[in-house]
Amino acid sequence: MKNFNYYAPTEVVFGDQSEEQVALLVKKYGGTKVLVHYGGQSAVRSGLLDKICGLLQEGGVAYITLGGVVPILVSLWLSRVSSCAVRRVLTLSLPLVAVV
């Protein structure tokens, strides 16, 4: 195996209505585009997906959505994301921000 370094700083924010901070947190780390990756339809049915996308839009943060998270190998997931990125000319950057 080749030597490498993996650096992935992540901030996770918990609490009632913490999703309200999503655009601010993206901007805090210099982000300009977001991949909103979610699982099944519960995010849609609950209204959370629309709320997050609306908050990002209000905050001036570009985004695309990619539904269908399934427990698959990371390499397959990365292949799907990179394919999406190429099609949409999306730039992904670290650090990651999770609002729970």
PDB file of N, CA and C in Angstrom:
ATOM      1  N   MET A   1       0.844  -1.177   0.000  1.00  0.00           N
ATOM      2  CA  MET A   1       0.000   0.000   0.000  1.00  0.00           C
ATOM      3  C   MET A   1       0.886   1.236   0.000  1.00  0.00           C
ATOM      4  N   LYS A   2       0.474   2.229  -0.736  1.00  0.00           N
ATOM      5  CA  LYS A   2       1.212   3.486  -0.771  1.00  0.00           C
ATOM      6  C   LYS A   2       0.912   4.304   0.471  1.00  0.00           C
ATOM      7  N   ASN A   3       1.880   5.090   0.882  1.00  0.00           N
ATOM      8  CA  ASN A   3       1.683   5.987   2.025  1.00  0.00           C
ATOM      9  C   ASN A   3       0.780   7.147   1.619  1.00  0.00           C
ATOM     10  N   PHE A   4      -0.071   7.561   2.522  1.00  0.00           N
ATOM     11  CA  PHE A   4      -0.919   8.711   2.259  1.00  0.00           C
ATOM     12  C   PHE A   4      -1.413   9.290   3.575  1.00  0.00           C
ATOM     13  N   ASN A   5      -1.875  10.513   3.518  1.00  0.00           N
ATOM     14  CA  ASN A   5      -2.508  11.178   4.657  1.00  0.00           C
ATOM     15  C   ASN A   5      -3.954  11.436   4.297  1.00  0.00           C
ATOM     16  N   TYR A   6      -4.822  11.242   5.255  1.00  0.00           N
ATOM     17  CA  TYR A   6      -6.245  11.519   5.084  1.00  0.00           C
ATOM     18  C   TYR A   6      -6.647  12.517   6.155  1.00  0.00           C
ATOM     19  N   TYR A   7      -7.125  13.669   5.732  1.00  0.00           N
ATOM     20  CA  TYR A   7      -7.506  14.730   6.656  1.00  0.00           C
ATOM     21  C   TYR A   7      -8.933  15.135   6.325  1.00  0.00           C
ATOM     22  N   ALA A   8      -9.856  14.945   7.263  1.00  0.00           N
ATOM     23  CA  ALA A   8     -11.258  15.258   7.005  1.00  0.00           C
ATOM     24  C   ALA A   8     -11.896  15.887   8.242  1.00  0.00           C
ATOM     25  N   PRO A   9     -11.636  17.159   8.483  1.00  0.00           N
ATOM     26  CA  PRO A   9     -12.261  17.814   9.634  1.00  0.00           C
ATOM     27  C   PRO A   9     -13.776  17.892   9.436  1.00  0.00           C
ATOM     28  N   THR A  10     -14.499  17.617  10.479  1.00  0.00           N
ATOM     29  CA  THR A  10     -15.955  17.603  10.406  1.00  0.00           C
ATOM     30  C   THR A  10     -16.534  18.302  11.634  1.00  0.00           C
ATOM     31  N   GLU A  11     -17.505  19.156  11.413  1.00  0.00           N
ATOM     32  CA  GLU A  11     -18.228  19.782  12.515  1.00  0.00           C
ATOM     33  C   GLU A  11     -19.648  19.252  12.482  1.00  0.00           C
ATOM     34  N   VAL A  12     -20.112  18.722  13.593  1.00  0.00           N
ATOM     35  CA  VAL A  12     -21.472  18.210  13.700  1.00  0.00           C
ATOM     36  C   VAL A  12     -22.216  19.085  14.695  1.00  0.00           C
ATOM     37  N   VAL A  13     -23.362  19.624  14.289  1.00  0.00           N
ATOM     38  CA  VAL A  13     -24.140  20.532  15.115  1.00  0.00           C
ATOM     39  C   VAL A  13     -25.444  19.834  15.495  1.00  0.00           C
ATOM     40  N   PHE A  14     -25.706  19.708  16.790  1.00  0.00           N
ATOM     41  CA  PHE A  14     -26.918  19.071  17.302  1.00  0.00           C
ATOM     42  C   PHE A  14     -27.837  20.126  17.909  1.00  0.00           C
ATOM     43  N   GLY A  15     -29.120  19.823  17.964  1.00  0.00           N
ATOM     44  CA  GLY A  15     -30.052  20.684  18.688  1.00  0.00           C
ATOM     45  C   GLY A  15     -31.298  21.004  17.903  1.00  0.00           C
ATOM     46  N   ASP A  16     -32.276  21.504  18.643  1.00  0.00           N
ATOM     47  CA  ASP A  16     -33.530  21.916  18.018  1.00  0.00           C
ATOM     48  C   ASP A  16     -33.265  23.001  16.982  1.00  0.00           C
ATOM     49  N   GLN A  17     -33.826  22.828  15.825  1.00  0.00           N
ATOM     50  CA  GLN A  17     -33.733  23.787  14.721  1.00  0.00           C
ATOM     51  C   GLN A  17     -32.295  24.101  14.323  1.00  0.00           C
ATOM     52  N   SER A  18     -31.383  23.174  14.548  1.00  0.00           N
ATOM     53  CA  SER A  18     -29.984  23.397  14.161  1.00  0.00           C
ATOM     54  C   SER A  18     -29.839  23.504  12.646  1.00  0.00           C
ATOM     55  N   GLU A  19     -30.803  22.954  11.900  1.00  0.00           N
ATOM     56  CA  GLU A  19     -30.742  23.053  10.442  1.00  0.00           C
ATOM     57  C   GLU A  19     -30.799  24.500   9.966  1.00  0.00           C
ATOM     58  N   GLU A  20     -31.300  25.393  10.810  1.00  0.00           N
ATOM     59  CA  GLU A  20     -31.382  26.808  10.450  1.00  0.00           C
ATOM     60  C   GLU A  20     -29.992  27.408  10.190  1.00  0.00           C
ATOM     61  N   GLN A  21     -28.958  26.765  10.683  1.00  0.00           N
ATOM     62  CA  GLN A  21     -27.585  27.267  10.555  1.00  0.00           C
ATOM     63  C   GLN A  21     -26.873  26.764   9.302  1.00  0.00           C
ATOM     64  N   VAL A  22     -27.545  25.968   8.479  1.00  0.00           N
ATOM     65  CA  VAL A  22     -26.848  25.255   7.406  1.00  0.00           C
ATOM     66  C   VAL A  22     -26.071  26.192   6.469  1.00  0.00           C
ATOM     67  N   ALA A  23     -26.659  27.261   5.991  1.00  0.00           N
ATOM     68  CA  ALA A  23     -25.961  28.160   5.067  1.00  0.00           C
ATOM     69  C   ALA A  23     -24.804  28.870   5.767  1.00  0.00           C
ATOM     70  N   LEU A  24     -25.027  29.289   6.989  1.00  0.00           N
ATOM     71  CA  LEU A  24     -23.976  29.952   7.764  1.00  0.00           C
ATOM     72  C   LEU A  24     -22.774  29.027   7.962  1.00  0.00           C
ATOM     73  N   LEU A  25     -23.033  27.762   8.271  1.00  0.00           N
ATOM     74  CA  LEU A  25     -21.943  26.810   8.488  1.00  0.00           C
ATOM     75  C   LEU A  25     -21.175  26.517   7.202  1.00  0.00           C
ATOM     76  N   VAL A  26     -21.889  26.432   6.093  1.00  0.00           N
ATOM     77  CA  VAL A  26     -21.212  26.218   4.815  1.00  0.00           C
ATOM     78  C   VAL A  26     -20.287  27.388   4.520  1.00  0.00           C
ATOM     79  N   LYS A  27     -20.796  28.588   4.700  1.00  0.00           N
ATOM     80  CA  LYS A  27     -19.998  29.790   4.437  1.00  0.00           C
ATOM     81  C   LYS A  27     -18.841  29.937   5.424  1.00  0.00           C
ATOM     82  N   LYS A  28     -19.035  29.470   6.659  1.00  0.00           N
ATOM     83  CA  LYS A  28     -17.989  29.540   7.683  1.00  0.00           C
ATOM     84  C   LYS A  28     -16.704  28.880   7.197  1.00  0.00           C
ATOM     85  N   TYR A  29     -16.850  27.823   6.412  1.00  0.00           N
ATOM     86  CA  TYR A  29     -15.690  27.092   5.905  1.00  0.00           C
ATOM     87  C   TYR A  29     -15.370  27.422   4.450  1.00  0.00           C
ATOM     88  N   GLY A  30     -15.930  28.503   3.953  1.00  0.00           N
ATOM     89  CA  GLY A  30     -15.617  28.944   2.599  1.00  0.00           C
ATOM     90  C   GLY A  30     -16.328  28.170   1.509  1.00  0.00           C
ATOM     91  N   GLY A  31     -17.338  27.397   1.873  1.00  0.00           N
ATOM     92  CA  GLY A  31     -18.062  26.615   0.878  1.00  0.00           C
ATOM     93  C   GLY A  31     -18.947  27.483   0.007  1.00  0.00           C
ATOM     94  N   THR A  32     -19.085  27.079  -1.246  1.00  0.00           N
ATOM     95  CA  THR A  32     -19.953  27.805  -2.178  1.00  0.00           C
ATOM     96  C   THR A  32     -20.971  26.892  -2.834  1.00  0.00           C
ATOM     97  N   LYS A  33     -20.720  25.581  -2.822  1.00  0.00           N
ATOM     98  CA  LYS A  33     -21.637  24.598  -3.406  1.00  0.00           C
ATOM     99  C   LYS A  33     -21.772  23.431  -2.445  1.00  0.00           C
ATOM    100  N   VAL A  34     -22.975  22.840  -2.410  1.00  0.00           N
ATOM    101  CA  VAL A  34     -23.240  21.744  -1.492  1.00  0.00           C
ATOM    102  C   VAL A  34     -23.899  20.596  -2.246  1.00  0.00           C
ATOM    103  N   LEU A  35     -23.466  19.392  -1.927  1.00  0.00           N
ATOM    104  CA  LEU A  35     -24.147  18.194  -2.378  1.00  0.00           C
ATOM    105  C   LEU A  35     -25.030  17.739  -1.219  1.00  0.00           C
ATOM    106  N   VAL A  36     -26.341  17.822  -1.399  1.00  0.00           N
ATOM    107  CA  VAL A  36     -27.282  17.384  -0.375  1.00  0.00           C
ATOM    108  C   VAL A  36     -27.599  15.922  -0.682  1.00  0.00           C
ATOM    109  N   HIS A  37     -26.976  15.018   0.058  1.00  0.00           N
ATOM    110  CA  HIS A  37     -27.093  13.580  -0.184  1.00  0.00           C
ATOM    111  C   HIS A  37     -27.975  12.994   0.899  1.00  0.00           C
ATOM    112  N   TYR A  38     -29.083  12.402   0.498  1.00  0.00           N
ATOM    113  CA  TYR A  38     -30.050  11.904   1.467  1.00  0.00           C
ATOM    114  C   TYR A  38     -30.476  10.489   1.091  1.00  0.00           C
ATOM    115  N   GLY A  39     -31.171   9.836   1.998  1.00  0.00           N
ATOM    116  CA  GLY A  39     -31.572   8.448   1.791  1.00  0.00           C
ATOM    117  C   GLY A  39     -32.850   8.311   0.999  1.00  0.00           C
ATOM    118  N   GLY A  40     -33.848   7.765   1.638  1.00  0.00           N
ATOM    119  CA  GLY A  40     -35.119   7.511   0.978  1.00  0.00           C
ATOM    120  C   GLY A  40     -36.023   8.716   0.970  1.00  0.00           C
ATOM    121  N   GLN A  41     -37.293   8.448   0.916  1.00  0.00           N
ATOM    122  CA  GLN A  41     -38.279   9.513   0.776  1.00  0.00           C
ATOM    123  C   GLN A  41     -38.699  10.165   2.085  1.00  0.00           C
ATOM    124  N   SER A  42     -38.217   9.659   3.237  1.00  0.00           N
ATOM    125  CA  SER A  42     -38.639  10.264   4.506  1.00  0.00           C
ATOM    126  C   SER A  42     -38.158  11.711   4.615  1.00  0.00           C
ATOM    127  N   ALA A  43     -36.990  12.024   4.056  1.00  0.00           N
ATOM    128  CA  ALA A  43     -36.500  13.405   4.072  1.00  0.00           C
ATOM    129  C   ALA A  43     -37.406  14.303   3.243  1.00  0.00           C
ATOM    130  N   VAL A  44     -37.957  13.750   2.184  1.00  0.00           N
ATOM    131  CA  VAL A  44     -38.884  14.506   1.336  1.00  0.00           C
ATOM    132  C   VAL A  44     -40.235  14.641   2.033  1.00  0.00           C
ATOM    133  N   ARG A  45     -40.771  13.521   2.519  1.00  0.00           N
ATOM    134  CA  ARG A  45     -42.095  13.532   3.168  1.00  0.00           C
ATOM    135  C   ARG A  45     -42.133  14.420   4.405  1.00  0.00           C
ATOM    136  N   SER A  46     -41.052  14.443   5.159  1.00  0.00           N
ATOM    137  CA  SER A  46     -41.032  15.235   6.395  1.00  0.00           C
ATOM    138  C   SER A  46     -40.908  16.733   6.125  1.00  0.00           C
ATOM    139  N   GLY A  47     -40.508  17.087   4.919  1.00  0.00           N
ATOM    140  CA  GLY A  47     -40.305  18.496   4.587  1.00  0.00           C
ATOM    141  C   GLY A  47     -38.903  18.992   4.890  1.00  0.00           C
ATOM    142  N   LEU A  48     -38.064  18.145   5.499  1.00  0.00           N
ATOM    143  CA  LEU A  48     -36.712  18.568   5.863  1.00  0.00           C
ATOM    144  C   LEU A  48     -35.869  18.886   4.634  1.00  0.00           C
ATOM    145  N   LEU A  49     -35.974  18.078   3.598  1.00  0.00           N
ATOM    146  CA  LEU A  49     -35.183  18.324   2.391  1.00  0.00           C
ATOM    147  C   LEU A  49     -35.525  19.684   1.792  1.00  0.00           C
ATOM    148  N   ASP A  50     -36.810  19.977   1.653  1.00  0.00           N
ATOM    149  CA  ASP A  50     -37.226  21.285   1.118  1.00  0.00           C
ATOM    150  C   ASP A  50     -36.748  22.424   2.014  1.00  0.00           C
ATOM    151  N   LYS A  51     -36.800  22.209   3.331  1.00  0.00           N
ATOM    152  CA  LYS A  51     -36.371  23.250   4.262  1.00  0.00           C
ATOM    153  C   LYS A  51     -34.879  23.529   4.101  1.00  0.00           C
ATOM    154  N   ILE A  52     -34.061  22.468   4.060  1.00  0.00           N
ATOM    155  CA  ILE A  52     -32.613  22.624   3.907  1.00  0.00           C
ATOM    156  C   ILE A  52     -32.289  23.322   2.591  1.00  0.00           C
ATOM    157  N   CYS A  53     -32.909  22.865   1.513  1.00  0.00           N
ATOM    158  CA  CYS A  53     -32.646  23.472   0.203  1.00  0.00           C
ATOM    159  C   CYS A  53     -33.084  24.937   0.183  1.00  0.00           C
ATOM    160  N   GLY A  54     -34.210  25.244   0.819  1.00  0.00           N
ATOM    161  CA  GLY A  54     -34.672  26.631   0.901  1.00  0.00           C
ATOM    162  C   GLY A  54     -33.706  27.501   1.694  1.00  0.00           C
ATOM    163  N   LEU A  55     -33.207  26.975   2.802  1.00  0.00           N
ATOM    164  CA  LEU A  55     -32.249  27.727   3.624  1.00  0.00           C
ATOM    165  C   LEU A  55     -30.940  27.961   2.877  1.00  0.00           C
ATOM    166  N   LEU A  56     -30.490  26.957   2.143  1.00  0.00           N
ATOM    167  CA  LEU A  56     -29.275  27.131   1.343  1.00  0.00           C
ATOM    168  C   LEU A  56     -29.490  28.205   0.278  1.00  0.00           C
ATOM    169  N   GLN A  57     -30.631  28.144  -0.389  1.00  0.00           N
ATOM    170  CA  GLN A  57     -30.937  29.135  -1.426  1.00  0.00           C
ATOM    171  C   GLN A  57     -31.022  30.542  -0.838  1.00  0.00           C
ATOM    172  N   GLU A  58     -31.727  30.691   0.278  1.00  0.00           N
ATOM    173  CA  GLU A  58     -31.828  31.998   0.939  1.00  0.00           C
ATOM    174  C   GLU A  58     -30.461  32.519   1.345  1.00  0.00           C
ATOM    175  N   GLY A  59     -29.566  31.605   1.733  1.00  0.00           N
ATOM    176  CA  GLY A  59     -28.227  31.982   2.163  1.00  0.00           C
ATOM    177  C   GLY A  59     -27.245  32.171   1.022  1.00  0.00           C
ATOM    178  N   GLY A  60     -27.715  32.013  -0.222  1.00  0.00           N
ATOM    179  CA  GLY A  60     -26.851  32.223  -1.373  1.00  0.00           C
ATOM    180  C   GLY A  60     -25.852  31.094  -1.599  1.00  0.00           C
ATOM    181  N   VAL A  61     -26.198  29.888  -1.163  1.00  0.00           N
ATOM    182  CA  VAL A  61     -25.318  28.735  -1.341  1.00  0.00           C
ATOM    183  C   VAL A  61     -25.924  27.826  -2.408  1.00  0.00           C
ATOM    184  N   ALA A  62     -25.154  27.587  -3.479  1.00  0.00           N
ATOM    185  CA  ALA A  62     -25.618  26.704  -4.544  1.00  0.00           C
ATOM    186  C   ALA A  62     -25.642  25.271  -4.033  1.00  0.00           C
ATOM    187  N   TYR A  63     -26.545  24.461  -4.582  1.00  0.00           N
ATOM    188  CA  TYR A  63     -26.643  23.070  -4.142  1.00  0.00           C
ATOM    189  C   TYR A  63     -27.229  22.206  -5.242  1.00  0.00           C
ATOM    190  N   ILE A  64     -26.976  20.916  -5.154  1.00  0.00           N
ATOM    191  CA  ILE A  64     -27.700  19.921  -5.933  1.00  0.00           C
ATOM    192  C   ILE A  64     -28.074  18.813  -4.967  1.00  0.00           C
ATOM    193  N   THR A  65     -29.107  18.064  -5.307  1.00  0.00           N
ATOM    194  CA  THR A  65     -29.542  16.969  -4.444  1.00  0.00           C
ATOM    195  C   THR A  65     -29.230  15.627  -5.102  1.00  0.00           C
ATOM    196  N   LEU A  66     -28.937  14.652  -4.268  1.00  0.00           N
ATOM    197  CA  LEU A  66     -28.684  13.290  -4.733  1.00  0.00           C
ATOM    198  C   LEU A  66     -29.312  12.349  -3.720  1.00  0.00           C
ATOM    199  N   GLY A  67     -30.441  11.800  -4.066  1.00  0.00           N
ATOM    200  CA  GLY A  67     -31.139  10.892  -3.168  1.00  0.00           C
ATOM    201  C   GLY A  67     -30.708   9.458  -3.371  1.00  0.00           C
ATOM    202  N   GLY A  68     -31.133   8.612  -2.438  1.00  0.00           N
ATOM    203  CA  GLY A  68     -30.890   7.200  -2.592  1.00  0.00           C
ATOM    204  C   GLY A  68     -29.684   6.649  -1.865  1.00  0.00           C
ATOM    205  N   VAL A  69     -29.348   7.195  -0.712  1.00  0.00           N
ATOM    206  CA  VAL A  69     -28.240   6.643   0.066  1.00  0.00           C
ATOM    207  C   VAL A  69     -28.580   5.201   0.411  1.00  0.00           C
ATOM    208  N   VAL A  70     -27.686   4.307   0.084  1.00  0.00           N
ATOM    209  CA  VAL A  70     -27.838   2.895   0.430  1.00  0.00           C
ATOM    210  C   VAL A  70     -26.510   2.396   0.976  1.00  0.00           C
ATOM    211  N   PRO A  71     -26.532   1.379   1.812  1.00  0.00           N
ATOM    212  CA  PRO A  71     -25.276   0.859   2.368  1.00  0.00           C
ATOM    213  C   PRO A  71     -24.499   0.068   1.320  1.00  0.00           C
ATOM    214  N   ILE A  72     -23.650   0.762   0.575  1.00  0.00           N
ATOM    215  CA  ILE A  72     -22.831   0.126  -0.452  1.00  0.00           C
ATOM    216  C   ILE A  72     -21.372   0.424  -0.165  1.00  0.00           C
ATOM    217  N   LEU A  73     -20.497  -0.204  -0.907  1.00  0.00           N
ATOM    218  CA  LEU A  73     -19.073   0.054  -0.736  1.00  0.00           C
ATOM    219  C   LEU A  73     -18.760   1.511  -1.022  1.00  0.00           C
ATOM    220  N   VAL A  74     -17.835   2.062  -0.278  1.00  0.00           N
ATOM    221  CA  VAL A  74     -17.457   3.471  -0.447  1.00  0.00           C
ATOM    222  C   VAL A  74     -17.012   3.739  -1.876  1.00  0.00           C
ATOM    223  N   SER A  75     -16.281   2.827  -2.475  1.00  0.00           N
ATOM    224  CA  SER A  75     -15.790   3.049  -3.835  1.00  0.00           C
ATOM    225  C   SER A  75     -16.941   3.186  -4.832  1.00  0.00           C
ATOM    226  N   LEU A  76     -18.008   2.423  -4.642  1.00  0.00           N
ATOM    227  CA  LEU A  76     -19.162   2.562  -5.528  1.00  0.00           C
ATOM    228  C   LEU A  76     -19.857   3.891  -5.313  1.00  0.00           C
ATOM    229  N   TRP A  77     -19.967   4.300  -4.043  1.00  0.00           N
ATOM    230  CA  TRP A  77     -20.584   5.585  -3.732  1.00  0.00           C
ATOM    231  C   TRP A  77     -19.768   6.726  -4.336  1.00  0.00           C
ATOM    232  N   LEU A  78     -18.447   6.657  -4.160  1.00  0.00           N
ATOM    233  CA  LEU A  78     -17.592   7.705  -4.715  1.00  0.00           C
ATOM    234  C   LEU A  78     -17.689   7.744  -6.229  1.00  0.00           C
ATOM    235  N   SER A  79     -17.829   6.591  -6.846  1.00  0.00           N
ATOM    236  CA  SER A  79     -17.994   6.542  -8.292  1.00  0.00           C
ATOM    237  C   SER A  79     -19.263   7.261  -8.715  1.00  0.00           C
ATOM    238  N   ARG A  80     -20.349   7.034  -7.973  1.00  0.00           N
ATOM    239  CA  ARG A  80     -21.620   7.690  -8.285  1.00  0.00           C
ATOM    240  C   ARG A  80     -21.537   9.200  -8.071  1.00  0.00           C
ATOM    241  N   VAL A  81     -20.918   9.606  -6.970  1.00  0.00           N
ATOM    242  CA  VAL A  81     -20.780  11.032  -6.676  1.00  0.00           C
ATOM    243  C   VAL A  81     -19.905  11.706  -7.718  1.00  0.00           C
ATOM    244  N   SER A  82     -18.785  11.070  -8.082  1.00  0.00           N
ATOM    245  CA  SER A  82     -17.901  11.696  -9.065  1.00  0.00           C
ATOM    246  C   SER A  82     -18.588  11.791 -10.412  1.00  0.00           C
ATOM    247  N   SER A  83     -19.396  10.796 -10.751  1.00  0.00           N
ATOM    248  CA  SER A  83     -20.167  10.852 -11.990  1.00  0.00           C
ATOM    249  C   SER A  83     -21.142  12.020 -11.958  1.00  0.00           C
ATOM    250  N   CYS A  84     -21.805  12.201 -10.821  1.00  0.00           N
ATOM    251  CA  CYS A  84     -22.732  13.319 -10.649  1.00  0.00           C
ATOM    252  C   CYS A  84     -21.975  14.640 -10.745  1.00  0.00           C
ATOM    253  N   ALA A  85     -20.802  14.687 -10.121  1.00  0.00           N
ATOM    254  CA  ALA A  85     -20.005  15.911 -10.122  1.00  0.00           C
ATOM    255  C   ALA A  85     -19.585  16.292 -11.530  1.00  0.00           C
ATOM    256  N   VAL A  86     -19.206  15.304 -12.318  1.00  0.00           N
ATOM    257  CA  VAL A  86     -18.793  15.583 -13.692  1.00  0.00           C
ATOM    258  C   VAL A  86     -19.974  16.095 -14.502  1.00  0.00           C
ATOM    259  N   ARG A  87     -21.129  15.470 -14.327  1.00  0.00           N
ATOM    260  CA  ARG A  87     -22.311  15.898 -15.080  1.00  0.00           C
ATOM    261  C   ARG A  87     -22.758  17.298 -14.700  1.00  0.00           C
ATOM    262  N   ARG A  88     -22.622  17.663 -13.445  1.00  0.00           N
ATOM    263  CA  ARG A  88     -23.148  18.943 -12.960  1.00  0.00           C
ATOM    264  C   ARG A  88     -22.053  19.984 -12.749  1.00  0.00           C
ATOM    265  N   VAL A  89     -20.826  19.673 -13.077  1.00  0.00           N
ATOM    266  CA  VAL A  89     -19.672  20.541 -12.844  1.00  0.00           C
ATOM    267  C   VAL A  89     -19.695  21.012 -11.398  1.00  0.00           C
ATOM    268  N   LEU A  90     -19.701  20.052 -10.520  1.00  0.00           N
ATOM    269  CA  LEU A  90     -19.785  20.306  -9.091  1.00  0.00           C
ATOM    270  C   LEU A  90     -18.406  20.223  -8.476  1.00  0.00           C
ATOM    271  N   THR A  91     -18.103  21.144  -7.595  1.00  0.00           N
ATOM    272  CA  THR A  91     -16.856  21.054  -6.855  1.00  0.00           C
ATOM    273  C   THR A  91     -17.173  20.670  -5.426  1.00  0.00           C
ATOM    274  N   LEU A  92     -16.502  19.640  -4.944  1.00  0.00           N
ATOM    275  CA  LEU A  92     -16.673  19.208  -3.567  1.00  0.00           C
ATOM    276  C   LEU A  92     -15.465  19.657  -2.780  1.00  0.00           C
ATOM    277  N   SER A  93     -15.664  20.147  -1.588  1.00  0.00           N
ATOM    278  CA  SER A  93     -14.528  20.587  -0.802  1.00  0.00           C
ATOM    279  C   SER A  93     -14.729  20.194   0.652  1.00  0.00           C
ATOM    280  N   LEU A  94     -13.639  20.061   1.362  1.00  0.00           N
ATOM    281  CA  LEU A  94     -13.654  19.783   2.787  1.00  0.00           C
ATOM    282  C   LEU A  94     -13.468  21.102   3.523  1.00  0.00           C
ATOM    283  N   PRO A  95     -13.843  21.251   4.727  1.00  0.00           N
ATOM    284  CA  PRO A  95     -14.357  20.232   5.624  1.00  0.00           C
ATOM    285  C   PRO A  95     -15.834  19.990   5.403  1.00  0.00           C
ATOM    286  N   LEU A  96     -16.295  18.882   5.902  1.00  0.00           N
ATOM    287  CA  LEU A  96     -17.697  18.537   5.847  1.00  0.00           C
ATOM    288  C   LEU A  96     -18.419  19.155   7.036  1.00  0.00           C
ATOM    289  N   VAL A  97     -19.654  19.521   6.841  1.00  0.00           N
ATOM    290  CA  VAL A  97     -20.465  20.042   7.922  1.00  0.00           C
ATOM    291  C   VAL A  97     -21.732  19.204   7.984  1.00  0.00           C
ATOM    292  N   ALA A  98     -22.013  18.650   9.128  1.00  0.00           N
ATOM    293  CA  ALA A  98     -23.234  17.869   9.305  1.00  0.00           C
ATOM    294  C   ALA A  98     -24.120  18.587  10.309  1.00  0.00           C
ATOM    295  N   VAL A  99     -25.350  18.805   9.925  1.00  0.00           N
ATOM    296  CA  VAL A  99     -26.323  19.401  10.834  1.00  0.00           C
ATOM    297  C   VAL A  99     -27.320  18.309  11.173  1.00  0.00           C
ATOM    298  N   VAL A 100     -27.369  17.899  12.428  1.00  0.00           N
ATOM    299  CA  VAL A 100     -28.216  16.790  12.855  1.00  0.00           C
ATOM    300  C   VAL A 100     -29.316  17.294  13.760  1.00  0.00           C
TER     301      VAL A 100
END
